[in-house]
Amino acid sequence: MEGLERLSLFIAVLIIMIAWELIAPRRPLHHSRWQRWSVNIGLSFLTTLIMRFTIASAALISASYAVSHNWGLLHLVDLPVWLHFGLGIVLLDLAIYGQHRASHQWSWLWRLHKVHHTDLDFDVTTAVRFHPVEIMLSMCYKSLCILIVGVNPVVVLVFEIILSSCALFNHSNVKIPLMVDKVLRLLLVTPDMHRVHHSTIKAETDSNYGFSISIWDRLFASYTDQPQQGHNKMTIGLSQYQHVDDVNMPQLLLMPFKRDI
């Protein structure tokens, strides 16, 4: 039931963001929704299927082990429940920032992660466009981080819900008043902030790595405020993968194992 509830919440947030995009889009889309959505959702479905029968529970197993064996940094001192919870969320979010940054800077990780960046438009479905192997490596990495930090299963569940909901939000093509966006991004990664990360300009692609908490990019000097070409005129994706035939489902699955264009 727990998995079903999380899936239901994910679908609810997805539907809300799709409706918001249709009512108040930030920028016009230039490519077929059918072509892109079939690829993005197809990748997500395949990944979910693979994870379901392999390591989907690895994070919760790691958290249960950490609690039962008093393992991890948060067990070195006796912390109030609220502080354990808050620090656990923040430290795991920092770990995901580090993973994302490494995925751009380490070539063998980038071969997997660039699948996410080959989307030719930017909307809520971009949030689920990942290569299955990258998601499996990410789960292994998160499980290790959970052991190191020493969070309990409840923190892991809440963190996963926050992470997936924020990813759907900040990948959405939704219009938010500029003043509201300016205030929101003091704490949270907004769609305008994350859209910069999907620019074809490499300096912009290699910035704004945060998924939920926005402070890490400012703290570690990877923050770009606005795209050089403006949000409406910026080109989305990777410059070497701008043709739709290069980013279909079979091509994306094989992409990490082929020579770069």
Protein backbone atom coordinates (compact mmCIF):
# COMPACT_ATOMS: atom_id res chain seq x y z
CA MET A 1 0.00 0.00 0.00
CA GLU A 2 2.90 2.32 0.79
CA GLY A 3 4.19 2.06 -2.78
CA LEU A 4 0.69 2.58 -4.16
CA GLU A 5 0.21 5.72 -2.05
CA ARG A 6 3.52 7.17 -3.25
CA LEU A 7 2.64 6.41 -6.86
CA SER A 8 -0.79 8.02 -6.41
CA LEU A 9 0.80 11.17 -4.98
CA PHE A 10 3.32 11.28 -7.84
CA ILE A 11 0.55 10.97 -10.44
CA ALA A 12 -1.50 13.65 -8.67
CA VAL A 13 1.41 16.13 -8.73
CA LEU A 14 2.09 15.21 -12.38
CA ILE A 15 -1.54 15.91 -13.36
CA ILE A 16 -1.55 19.22 -11.47
CA MET A 17 1.62 20.38 -13.22
CA ILE A 18 0.33 19.31 -16.65
CA ALA A 19 -2.89 21.28 -16.03
CA TRP A 20 -0.87 24.30 -14.89
CA GLU A 21 1.28 24.09 -18.03
CA LEU A 22 -1.80 24.07 -20.25
CA ILE A 23 -3.42 26.99 -18.43
CA ALA A 24 -0.34 29.18 -17.98
CA PRO A 25 2.68 28.05 -20.04
CA ARG A 26 6.01 29.84 -19.54
CA ARG A 27 7.20 29.46 -23.14
CA PRO A 28 5.86 27.89 -26.34
CA LEU A 29 6.86 24.28 -27.03
CA HIS A 30 8.56 23.65 -30.37
CA HIS A 31 8.27 19.89 -30.71
CA SER A 32 5.50 17.30 -30.72
CA ARG A 33 4.18 16.48 -27.26
CA TRP A 34 3.24 13.00 -28.47
CA GLN A 35 6.77 12.23 -29.65
CA ARG A 36 8.43 13.60 -26.51
CA TRP A 37 5.94 12.32 -23.98
CA SER A 38 5.95 8.81 -25.43
CA VAL A 39 9.74 8.73 -25.07
CA ASN A 40 9.88 10.32 -21.61
CA ILE A 41 7.05 8.30 -20.10
CA GLY A 42 8.26 5.18 -21.90
CA LEU A 43 11.69 5.53 -20.29
CA SER A 44 10.07 6.10 -16.92
CA PHE A 45 7.86 3.02 -17.26
CA LEU A 46 10.80 0.84 -18.31
CA THR A 47 12.91 2.13 -15.43
CA THR A 48 10.12 1.56 -12.92
CA LEU A 49 9.66 -2.00 -14.18
CA ILE A 50 13.37 -2.79 -13.91
CA MET A 51 13.64 -1.22 -10.46
CA ARG A 52 10.53 -3.04 -9.24
CA PHE A 53 12.20 -6.40 -9.78
CA THR A 54 15.71 -5.42 -8.66
CA ILE A 55 16.74 -2.76 -6.11
CA ALA A 56 13.63 -0.61 -5.61
CA SER A 57 13.69 -1.20 -1.82
CA ALA A 58 17.42 -0.64 -1.35
CA ALA A 59 17.03 2.81 0.24
CA LEU A 60 14.49 1.63 2.81
CA ILE A 61 16.57 -1.46 3.59
CA SER A 62 19.60 0.75 4.18
CA ALA A 63 17.59 3.05 6.45
CA SER A 64 16.23 0.11 8.46
CA TYR A 65 19.77 -1.25 8.87
CA ALA A 66 21.06 2.16 9.98
CA VAL A 67 18.36 2.43 12.65
CA SER A 68 18.66 -1.12 13.95
CA HIS A 69 22.47 -0.90 14.21
CA ASN A 70 22.72 2.78 15.25
CA TRP A 71 24.73 3.35 12.11
CA GLY A 72 25.61 6.75 10.62
CA LEU A 73 26.49 10.33 11.51
CA LEU A 74 23.12 11.20 13.05
CA HIS A 75 23.54 8.39 15.58
CA LEU A 76 26.82 9.77 16.94
CA VAL A 77 24.85 12.10 19.23
CA ASP A 78 21.41 11.90 20.80
CA LEU A 79 19.28 14.24 18.69
CA PRO A 80 15.65 15.29 19.14
CA VAL A 81 13.37 13.63 16.59
CA TRP A 82 12.65 16.90 14.78
CA LEU A 83 16.35 17.70 14.41
CA HIS A 84 17.17 14.20 13.19
CA PHE A 85 14.37 14.53 10.65
CA GLY A 86 15.40 18.00 9.45
CA LEU A 87 19.11 17.26 9.23
CA GLY A 88 18.41 14.00 7.45
CA ILE A 89 16.39 15.77 4.73
CA VAL A 90 18.99 18.52 4.29
CA LEU A 91 21.99 16.16 4.19
CA LEU A 92 20.33 13.82 1.69
CA ASP A 93 19.46 16.79 -0.50
CA LEU A 94 23.09 17.93 -0.37
CA ALA A 95 24.13 14.41 -1.39
CA ILE A 96 21.83 14.57 -4.44
CA TYR A 97 23.32 17.95 -5.38
CA GLY A 98 26.78 16.37 -5.24
CA GLN A 99 25.66 13.43 -7.34
CA HIS A 100 24.13 15.69 -9.96
CA ARG A 101 27.25 17.83 -10.18
CA ALA A 102 29.44 14.74 -10.51
CA SER A 103 27.18 13.50 -13.31
CA HIS A 104 28.23 16.54 -15.34
CA GLN A 105 31.90 16.54 -14.43
CA TRP A 106 32.76 12.82 -14.62
CA SER A 107 32.63 11.67 -18.24
CA TRP A 108 31.48 8.10 -17.48
CA LEU A 109 28.52 9.43 -15.50
CA TRP A 110 27.78 12.10 -18.09
CA ARG A 111 27.35 9.39 -20.75
CA LEU A 112 24.31 8.23 -18.78
CA HIS A 113 23.07 11.59 -17.54
CA LYS A 114 23.10 13.30 -20.94
CA VAL A 115 20.03 11.22 -21.85
CA HIS A 116 18.11 13.51 -19.49
CA HIS A 117 19.49 16.60 -21.27
CA THR A 118 18.59 15.52 -24.80
CA ASP A 119 14.95 16.49 -24.42
CA LEU A 120 14.27 19.12 -27.12
CA ASP A 121 11.68 20.92 -25.00
CA PHE A 122 11.29 21.47 -21.28
CA ASP A 123 8.14 20.43 -19.47
CA VAL A 124 7.02 18.26 -16.57
CA THR A 125 7.72 15.00 -18.42
CA THR A 126 11.40 15.98 -18.70
CA ALA A 127 11.57 15.18 -14.97
CA VAL A 128 11.20 11.45 -15.68
CA ARG A 129 13.52 11.26 -18.71
CA PHE A 130 16.43 9.24 -17.31
CA HIS A 131 18.35 6.20 -18.50
CA PRO A 132 17.47 3.11 -16.40
CA VAL A 133 21.13 2.45 -15.59
CA GLU A 134 21.51 5.97 -14.18
CA ILE A 135 18.50 5.46 -11.92
CA MET A 136 19.91 2.16 -10.67
CA LEU A 137 23.29 3.77 -9.92
CA SER A 138 21.48 6.63 -8.23
CA MET A 139 19.62 4.20 -5.96
CA CYS A 140 22.92 2.53 -4.99
CA TYR A 141 24.44 5.94 -4.26
CA LYS A 142 21.43 7.06 -2.19
CA SER A 143 21.48 3.83 -0.22
CA LEU A 144 25.14 4.38 0.64
CA CYS A 145 24.44 7.99 1.65
CA ILE A 146 21.55 6.83 3.85
CA LEU A 147 23.92 4.49 5.68
CA ILE A 148 26.54 7.22 6.09
CA VAL A 149 24.04 9.81 7.33
CA GLY A 150 22.04 7.30 9.38
CA VAL A 151 18.47 8.38 8.62
CA ASN A 152 15.41 6.31 9.48
CA PRO A 153 12.91 4.90 6.93
CA VAL A 154 10.34 7.67 7.56
CA VAL A 155 12.89 10.32 6.61
CA VAL A 156 13.72 8.37 3.46
CA LEU A 157 10.06 8.14 2.45
CA VAL A 158 9.46 11.85 3.05
CA PHE A 159 12.67 12.77 1.23
CA GLU A 160 11.75 10.67 -1.80
CA ILE A 161 8.32 12.33 -1.96
CA ILE A 162 9.89 15.81 -1.68
CA LEU A 163 12.51 14.98 -4.31
CA SER A 164 10.06 13.60 -6.88
CA SER A 165 7.51 16.38 -6.30
CA CYS A 166 10.16 19.10 -6.59
CA ALA A 167 11.55 17.50 -9.75
CA LEU A 168 8.09 17.58 -11.36
CA PHE A 169 7.62 21.19 -10.24
CA ASN A 170 10.98 22.59 -11.32
CA HIS A 171 10.91 20.84 -14.72
CA SER A 172 7.48 22.28 -15.50
CA ASN A 173 6.77 24.78 -18.23
CA VAL A 174 4.70 26.98 -15.94
CA LYS A 175 4.52 30.75 -15.71
CA ILE A 176 5.26 32.16 -12.27
CA PRO A 177 5.30 35.94 -11.67
CA LEU A 178 8.91 37.14 -11.63
CA MET A 179 8.69 38.61 -8.13
CA VAL A 180 7.19 35.38 -6.78
CA ASP A 181 9.92 33.39 -8.51
CA LYS A 182 12.59 35.66 -7.01
CA VAL A 183 11.30 34.99 -3.50
CA LEU A 184 10.68 31.26 -4.02
CA ARG A 185 14.18 30.57 -5.33
CA LEU A 186 15.70 31.87 -2.10
CA LEU A 187 14.77 28.44 -0.74
CA LEU A 188 13.40 26.24 -3.54
CA VAL A 189 14.55 25.47 -7.06
CA THR A 190 11.98 27.04 -9.39
CA PRO A 191 11.21 26.14 -13.02
CA ASP A 192 12.92 29.32 -14.28
CA MET A 193 16.00 28.51 -12.23
CA HIS A 194 16.23 24.90 -13.39
CA ARG A 195 15.39 25.66 -17.03
CA VAL A 196 18.77 27.42 -17.27
CA HIS A 197 20.36 24.04 -16.53
CA HIS A 198 18.78 22.63 -19.71
CA SER A 199 20.27 25.28 -22.00
CA THR A 200 22.51 24.23 -24.90
CA ILE A 201 25.11 26.74 -23.67
CA LYS A 202 27.60 24.62 -21.72
CA ALA A 203 28.28 27.21 -19.01
CA GLU A 204 24.55 27.22 -18.26
CA THR A 205 24.17 23.44 -18.52
CA ASP A 206 26.96 23.14 -15.95
CA SER A 207 25.13 25.24 -13.36
CA ASN A 208 21.98 25.17 -11.20
CA TYR A 209 22.37 21.54 -10.14
CA GLY A 210 19.91 21.67 -7.25
CA PHE A 211 16.67 19.71 -7.37
CA SER A 212 14.78 21.01 -4.34
CA ILE A 213 16.84 23.24 -1.99
CA SER A 214 18.33 26.14 -3.98
CA ILE A 215 21.03 27.21 -1.51
CA TRP A 216 23.62 24.65 -2.63
CA ASP A 217 24.21 26.33 -5.99
CA ARG A 218 24.89 29.66 -4.33
CA LEU A 219 27.01 28.07 -1.62
CA PHE A 220 29.17 26.10 -4.06
CA ALA A 221 29.37 28.77 -6.79
CA SER A 222 27.31 26.94 -9.42
CA TYR A 223 24.39 29.39 -9.61
CA THR A 224 23.26 31.12 -12.82
CA ASP A 225 20.43 33.58 -12.37
CA GLN A 226 19.05 33.84 -15.93
CA PRO A 227 19.84 32.36 -19.37
CA GLN A 228 21.89 34.53 -21.73
CA GLN A 229 19.28 34.31 -24.48
CA GLY A 230 16.24 34.74 -22.22
CA HIS A 231 13.74 32.03 -21.35
CA ASN A 232 11.64 32.39 -24.51
CA LYS A 233 14.55 32.38 -26.95
CA MET A 234 16.95 29.93 -25.29
CA THR A 235 17.55 26.60 -27.01
CA ILE A 236 16.79 23.52 -24.92
CA GLY A 237 18.83 20.31 -25.00
CA LEU A 238 22.34 19.51 -26.19
CA SER A 239 23.71 21.19 -29.31
CA GLN A 240 24.87 17.87 -30.82
CA TYR A 241 21.46 16.22 -30.36
CA GLN A 242 19.01 18.65 -31.93
CA HIS A 243 17.33 16.29 -34.40
CA VAL A 244 14.33 14.28 -33.25
CA ASP A 245 15.64 11.08 -34.88
CA ASP A 246 18.71 11.19 -32.62
CA VAL A 247 16.65 11.15 -29.43
CA ASN A 248 14.05 8.44 -29.90
CA MET A 249 13.68 5.64 -27.37
CA PRO A 250 16.09 3.09 -28.93
CA GLN A 251 18.72 5.78 -29.50
CA LEU A 252 18.48 6.99 -25.89
CA LEU A 253 18.83 3.48 -24.47
CA LEU A 254 21.96 2.91 -26.56
CA MET A 255 23.35 6.45 -26.23
CA PRO A 256 25.62 5.86 -23.17
CA PHE A 257 27.34 3.00 -24.94
CA LYS A 258 27.95 4.72 -28.28
CA ARG A 259 30.63 7.16 -29.36
CA ASP A 260 29.67 10.79 -28.76
CA ILE A 261 28.45 12.80 -31.71
